[in-house]
N, C-alpha and C. Protein backbone atom coordinates (compact mmCIF):
# COMPACT_ATOMS: atom_id res chain seq x y z
N UNK A 1 -10.75 -27.17 13.70
CA UNK A 1 -10.02 -26.70 12.54
C UNK A 1 -10.03 -25.18 12.47
N UNK A 2 -11.10 -24.57 12.95
CA UNK A 2 -11.20 -23.11 12.90
C UNK A 2 -10.12 -22.46 13.76
N UNK A 3 -9.81 -23.06 14.92
CA UNK A 3 -8.77 -22.48 15.77
C UNK A 3 -7.40 -22.58 15.11
N UNK A 4 -7.19 -23.63 14.33
CA UNK A 4 -5.93 -23.76 13.59
C UNK A 4 -5.82 -22.64 12.55
N UNK A 5 -6.92 -22.37 11.86
CA UNK A 5 -6.92 -21.31 10.85
C UNK A 5 -6.62 -19.95 11.45
N UNK A 6 -7.09 -19.73 12.68
CA UNK A 6 -6.83 -18.46 13.35
C UNK A 6 -5.35 -18.24 13.60
N UNK A 7 -4.63 -19.32 13.83
CA UNK A 7 -3.20 -19.21 14.16
C UNK A 7 -2.28 -19.59 13.00
N UNK A 8 -2.84 -19.74 11.83
CA UNK A 8 -2.04 -20.17 10.68
C UNK A 8 -0.87 -19.23 10.42
N UNK A 9 -1.11 -17.94 10.49
CA UNK A 9 -0.04 -16.96 10.24
C UNK A 9 1.06 -17.08 11.30
N UNK A 10 0.67 -17.32 12.55
CA UNK A 10 1.66 -17.50 13.61
C UNK A 10 2.53 -18.72 13.35
N UNK A 11 1.92 -19.79 12.88
CA UNK A 11 2.68 -21.01 12.57
C UNK A 11 3.65 -20.76 11.42
N UNK A 12 3.23 -19.97 10.45
CA UNK A 12 4.10 -19.69 9.30
C UNK A 12 5.34 -18.91 9.72
N UNK A 13 5.20 -18.06 10.72
CA UNK A 13 6.36 -17.29 11.20
C UNK A 13 7.47 -18.25 11.63
N UNK A 14 7.10 -19.33 12.31
CA UNK A 14 8.10 -20.26 12.81
C UNK A 14 8.51 -21.31 11.80
N UNK A 15 7.58 -21.74 10.97
CA UNK A 15 7.92 -22.79 10.01
C UNK A 15 8.62 -22.26 8.77
N UNK A 16 8.36 -21.01 8.41
CA UNK A 16 8.96 -20.41 7.20
C UNK A 16 9.60 -19.07 7.52
N UNK A 17 10.37 -19.05 8.57
CA UNK A 17 10.95 -17.81 9.07
C UNK A 17 11.69 -17.01 8.00
N UNK A 18 12.41 -17.70 7.14
CA UNK A 18 13.24 -17.00 6.16
C UNK A 18 12.52 -16.71 4.85
N UNK A 19 11.32 -17.23 4.69
CA UNK A 19 10.60 -17.05 3.43
C UNK A 19 9.33 -16.22 3.55
N UNK A 20 8.86 -15.99 4.75
CA UNK A 20 7.59 -15.29 4.94
C UNK A 20 7.75 -13.80 4.62
N UNK A 21 6.71 -13.21 4.08
CA UNK A 21 6.70 -11.78 3.76
C UNK A 21 6.55 -10.99 5.06
N UNK A 22 7.49 -10.12 5.35
CA UNK A 22 7.50 -9.37 6.60
C UNK A 22 6.24 -8.51 6.76
N UNK A 23 5.68 -8.04 5.66
CA UNK A 23 4.49 -7.19 5.73
C UNK A 23 3.26 -7.96 6.21
N UNK A 24 3.29 -9.28 6.13
CA UNK A 24 2.15 -10.09 6.56
C UNK A 24 2.20 -10.44 8.05
N UNK A 25 3.31 -10.13 8.68
CA UNK A 25 3.54 -10.47 10.08
C UNK A 25 3.10 -9.30 10.96
N UNK A 26 2.57 -9.58 12.16
CA UNK A 26 2.22 -8.49 13.07
C UNK A 26 3.41 -7.56 13.32
N UNK A 27 3.12 -6.31 13.48
CA UNK A 27 4.16 -5.28 13.59
C UNK A 27 5.17 -5.56 14.70
N UNK A 28 4.70 -6.14 15.80
CA UNK A 28 5.60 -6.37 16.94
C UNK A 28 6.69 -7.39 16.64
N UNK A 29 6.53 -8.20 15.57
CA UNK A 29 7.53 -9.20 15.20
C UNK A 29 8.39 -8.78 14.01
N UNK A 30 8.04 -7.72 13.34
CA UNK A 30 8.68 -7.38 12.07
C UNK A 30 10.17 -7.11 12.18
N UNK A 31 10.59 -6.34 13.17
CA UNK A 31 12.02 -6.00 13.29
C UNK A 31 12.84 -7.27 13.54
N UNK A 32 12.37 -8.10 14.46
CA UNK A 32 13.09 -9.35 14.75
C UNK A 32 13.16 -10.23 13.50
N UNK A 33 12.06 -10.29 12.78
CA UNK A 33 12.02 -11.13 11.57
C UNK A 33 12.96 -10.60 10.50
N UNK A 34 13.01 -9.30 10.33
CA UNK A 34 13.93 -8.69 9.36
C UNK A 34 15.37 -9.02 9.72
N UNK A 35 15.70 -8.90 11.02
CA UNK A 35 17.06 -9.21 11.46
C UNK A 35 17.40 -10.68 11.21
N UNK A 36 16.45 -11.56 11.47
CA UNK A 36 16.68 -12.99 11.21
C UNK A 36 16.87 -13.26 9.73
N UNK A 37 16.02 -12.66 8.90
CA UNK A 37 16.10 -12.90 7.46
C UNK A 37 17.38 -12.33 6.85
N UNK A 38 17.94 -11.32 7.47
CA UNK A 38 19.18 -10.72 6.95
C UNK A 38 20.43 -11.47 7.41
N UNK A 39 20.30 -12.33 8.39
CA UNK A 39 21.45 -13.07 8.90
C UNK A 39 21.67 -14.30 8.02
N UNK A 40 22.59 -14.18 7.06
CA UNK A 40 22.81 -15.27 6.10
C UNK A 40 23.33 -16.54 6.77
N UNK A 41 24.14 -16.39 7.81
CA UNK A 41 24.66 -17.59 8.48
C UNK A 41 23.54 -18.37 9.17
N UNK A 42 22.53 -17.66 9.69
CA UNK A 42 21.38 -18.35 10.29
C UNK A 42 20.52 -19.03 9.22
N UNK A 43 20.38 -18.36 8.10
CA UNK A 43 19.61 -18.93 6.99
C UNK A 43 20.25 -20.25 6.54
N UNK A 44 21.57 -20.28 6.43
CA UNK A 44 22.27 -21.50 6.02
C UNK A 44 22.11 -22.61 7.06
N UNK A 45 22.24 -22.24 8.34
CA UNK A 45 22.07 -23.24 9.40
C UNK A 45 20.66 -23.81 9.38
N UNK A 46 19.68 -22.95 9.14
CA UNK A 46 18.28 -23.38 9.11
C UNK A 46 18.05 -24.38 7.97
N UNK A 47 18.62 -24.10 6.83
CA UNK A 47 18.43 -24.98 5.67
C UNK A 47 19.21 -26.28 5.79
N UNK A 48 20.36 -26.24 6.46
CA UNK A 48 21.21 -27.43 6.58
C UNK A 48 20.83 -28.34 7.75
N UNK A 49 20.09 -27.81 8.70
CA UNK A 49 19.76 -28.59 9.90
C UNK A 49 18.76 -29.69 9.57
N UNK A 50 18.97 -30.87 10.14
CA UNK A 50 18.00 -31.96 9.91
C UNK A 50 16.68 -31.67 10.64
N UNK A 51 15.62 -32.24 10.14
CA UNK A 51 14.29 -32.00 10.70
C UNK A 51 14.20 -32.43 12.16
N UNK A 52 14.91 -33.48 12.52
CA UNK A 52 14.86 -33.97 13.89
C UNK A 52 15.39 -32.91 14.86
N UNK A 53 16.35 -32.12 14.41
CA UNK A 53 16.88 -31.04 15.24
C UNK A 53 15.81 -29.98 15.50
N UNK A 54 14.99 -29.72 14.50
CA UNK A 54 13.89 -28.76 14.66
C UNK A 54 12.93 -29.23 15.75
N UNK A 55 12.58 -30.52 15.72
CA UNK A 55 11.65 -31.04 16.72
C UNK A 55 12.26 -31.04 18.12
N UNK A 56 13.55 -31.26 18.20
CA UNK A 56 14.22 -31.18 19.50
C UNK A 56 14.17 -29.74 20.02
N UNK A 57 14.43 -28.79 19.15
CA UNK A 57 14.37 -27.38 19.55
C UNK A 57 12.96 -26.99 19.97
N UNK A 58 11.97 -27.55 19.32
CA UNK A 58 10.58 -27.27 19.66
C UNK A 58 10.27 -27.73 21.07
N UNK A 59 10.82 -28.87 21.47
CA UNK A 59 10.63 -29.34 22.85
C UNK A 59 11.23 -28.34 23.83
N UNK A 60 12.35 -27.75 23.47
CA UNK A 60 12.99 -26.77 24.36
C UNK A 60 12.13 -25.51 24.51
N UNK A 61 11.42 -25.14 23.46
CA UNK A 61 10.54 -23.98 23.52
C UNK A 61 9.44 -24.21 24.54
N UNK A 62 8.91 -25.42 24.58
CA UNK A 62 7.84 -25.74 25.54
C UNK A 62 8.32 -25.62 26.98
N UNK A 63 9.58 -25.89 27.22
CA UNK A 63 10.14 -25.80 28.56
C UNK A 63 10.01 -24.39 29.11
N UNK A 64 10.21 -23.39 28.27
CA UNK A 64 10.17 -22.02 28.75
C UNK A 64 8.78 -21.62 29.25
N UNK A 65 7.74 -22.09 28.59
CA UNK A 65 6.39 -21.79 29.05
C UNK A 65 6.11 -22.39 30.40
N UNK A 66 6.49 -23.65 30.60
CA UNK A 66 6.25 -24.29 31.89
C UNK A 66 7.17 -23.70 32.96
N UNK A 67 8.37 -23.30 32.60
CA UNK A 67 9.27 -22.65 33.55
C UNK A 67 8.67 -21.34 34.03
N UNK A 68 8.09 -20.58 33.12
CA UNK A 68 7.45 -19.32 33.48
C UNK A 68 6.32 -19.56 34.49
N UNK A 69 5.50 -20.57 34.24
CA UNK A 69 4.39 -20.87 35.14
C UNK A 69 4.93 -21.25 36.52
N UNK A 70 5.98 -22.06 36.57
CA UNK A 70 6.56 -22.46 37.86
C UNK A 70 7.13 -21.26 38.61
N UNK A 71 7.83 -20.39 37.91
CA UNK A 71 8.39 -19.20 38.56
C UNK A 71 7.29 -18.31 39.13
N UNK A 72 6.24 -18.11 38.36
CA UNK A 72 5.12 -17.31 38.84
C UNK A 72 4.48 -17.96 40.06
N UNK A 73 4.34 -19.26 40.00
CA UNK A 73 3.72 -20.01 41.08
C UNK A 73 4.53 -19.86 42.37
N UNK A 74 5.84 -20.06 42.30
CA UNK A 74 6.67 -19.96 43.50
C UNK A 74 6.78 -18.53 44.00
N UNK A 75 6.74 -17.58 43.10
CA UNK A 75 6.73 -16.18 43.50
C UNK A 75 5.46 -15.87 44.29
N UNK A 76 4.35 -16.36 43.80
CA UNK A 76 3.07 -16.16 44.49
C UNK A 76 3.08 -16.86 45.84
N UNK A 77 3.64 -18.06 45.89
CA UNK A 77 3.72 -18.80 47.14
C UNK A 77 4.55 -18.03 48.17
N UNK A 78 5.67 -17.50 47.73
CA UNK A 78 6.54 -16.74 48.64
C UNK A 78 5.82 -15.51 49.16
N UNK A 79 5.11 -14.81 48.29
CA UNK A 79 4.36 -13.63 48.69
C UNK A 79 3.27 -14.01 49.69
N UNK A 80 2.56 -15.08 49.42
CA UNK A 80 1.47 -15.53 50.30
C UNK A 80 2.02 -15.93 51.66
N UNK A 81 3.12 -16.65 51.68
CA UNK A 81 3.70 -17.08 52.95
C UNK A 81 4.19 -15.89 53.76
N UNK A 82 4.74 -14.88 53.12
CA UNK A 82 5.23 -13.71 53.83
C UNK A 82 4.08 -12.86 54.35
N UNK A 83 3.08 -12.67 53.52
CA UNK A 83 1.96 -11.78 53.85
C UNK A 83 1.10 -12.34 54.98
N UNK A 84 0.89 -13.64 54.99
CA UNK A 84 -0.05 -14.22 55.94
C UNK A 84 0.58 -15.34 56.76
N UNK A 85 1.83 -15.19 57.09
CA UNK A 85 2.55 -16.27 57.76
C UNK A 85 1.87 -16.72 59.05
N UNK A 86 1.36 -15.81 59.84
CA UNK A 86 0.78 -16.19 61.13
C UNK A 86 -0.53 -16.94 60.98
N UNK A 87 -1.26 -16.69 59.91
CA UNK A 87 -2.57 -17.32 59.72
C UNK A 87 -2.55 -18.44 58.68
N UNK A 88 -1.41 -18.75 58.15
CA UNK A 88 -1.34 -19.68 57.02
C UNK A 88 -1.47 -21.13 57.47
N UNK A 89 -2.43 -21.81 56.88
CA UNK A 89 -2.60 -23.25 57.10
C UNK A 89 -2.39 -23.95 55.75
N UNK A 90 -2.31 -25.26 55.79
CA UNK A 90 -2.17 -26.01 54.55
C UNK A 90 -3.34 -25.75 53.61
N UNK A 91 -4.52 -25.64 54.17
CA UNK A 91 -5.72 -25.39 53.36
C UNK A 91 -5.63 -24.03 52.68
N UNK A 92 -5.19 -22.99 53.40
CA UNK A 92 -5.04 -21.66 52.81
C UNK A 92 -4.03 -21.68 51.67
N UNK A 93 -2.93 -22.37 51.89
CA UNK A 93 -1.89 -22.45 50.87
C UNK A 93 -2.40 -23.18 49.63
N UNK A 94 -3.14 -24.25 49.83
CA UNK A 94 -3.70 -25.01 48.71
C UNK A 94 -4.66 -24.14 47.89
N UNK A 95 -5.53 -23.41 48.56
CA UNK A 95 -6.47 -22.53 47.85
C UNK A 95 -5.72 -21.45 47.08
N UNK A 96 -4.70 -20.89 47.69
CA UNK A 96 -3.90 -19.86 47.02
C UNK A 96 -3.23 -20.42 45.77
N UNK A 97 -2.69 -21.64 45.86
CA UNK A 97 -2.06 -22.28 44.71
C UNK A 97 -3.06 -22.52 43.59
N UNK A 98 -4.23 -23.01 43.97
CA UNK A 98 -5.26 -23.28 42.96
C UNK A 98 -5.67 -22.01 42.23
N UNK A 99 -5.82 -20.93 42.97
CA UNK A 99 -6.19 -19.65 42.34
C UNK A 99 -5.09 -19.17 41.40
N UNK A 100 -3.85 -19.27 41.84
CA UNK A 100 -2.73 -18.82 41.01
C UNK A 100 -2.62 -19.66 39.75
N UNK A 101 -2.81 -20.97 39.88
CA UNK A 101 -2.72 -21.85 38.72
C UNK A 101 -3.83 -21.53 37.72
N UNK A 102 -5.04 -21.30 38.21
CA UNK A 102 -6.15 -20.97 37.32
C UNK A 102 -5.89 -19.67 36.59
N UNK A 103 -5.33 -18.68 37.27
CA UNK A 103 -5.03 -17.40 36.63
C UNK A 103 -3.95 -17.58 35.58
N UNK A 104 -2.93 -18.37 35.86
CA UNK A 104 -1.86 -18.62 34.88
C UNK A 104 -2.40 -19.35 33.67
N UNK A 105 -3.29 -20.30 33.90
CA UNK A 105 -3.89 -21.07 32.81
C UNK A 105 -4.69 -20.15 31.89
N UNK A 106 -5.38 -19.19 32.45
CA UNK A 106 -6.16 -18.25 31.64
C UNK A 106 -5.26 -17.37 30.78
N UNK A 107 -4.12 -16.99 31.32
CA UNK A 107 -3.18 -16.15 30.57
C UNK A 107 -2.70 -16.88 29.32
N UNK A 108 -2.42 -18.18 29.44
CA UNK A 108 -1.88 -18.93 28.31
C UNK A 108 -2.94 -19.37 27.32
N UNK A 109 -4.20 -19.34 27.71
CA UNK A 109 -5.25 -19.69 26.76
C UNK A 109 -5.54 -18.50 25.90
């Protein structure tokens, strides 16, 4: 429960985008939030959209995180294959993948 409390403000940014006080939001999000709150057509769409649409959009947000991890992973694989092509074995490639995955996992935690 304590970890939820730590991120409560972050959750409010997404759940109450049009009602949250901009001064309570971290500075790096304030300009974007002000622009969103001033866009009346977005405010209307947000209020008129069914809740199921929100959950569908949330699934799409998760895709971007996993896409980022995959892109980083394949970029690392390409670099590893180019750098050590003559010495590369399946075992070397597996170890390189495991290291890259662990580093990516730490970034997202």
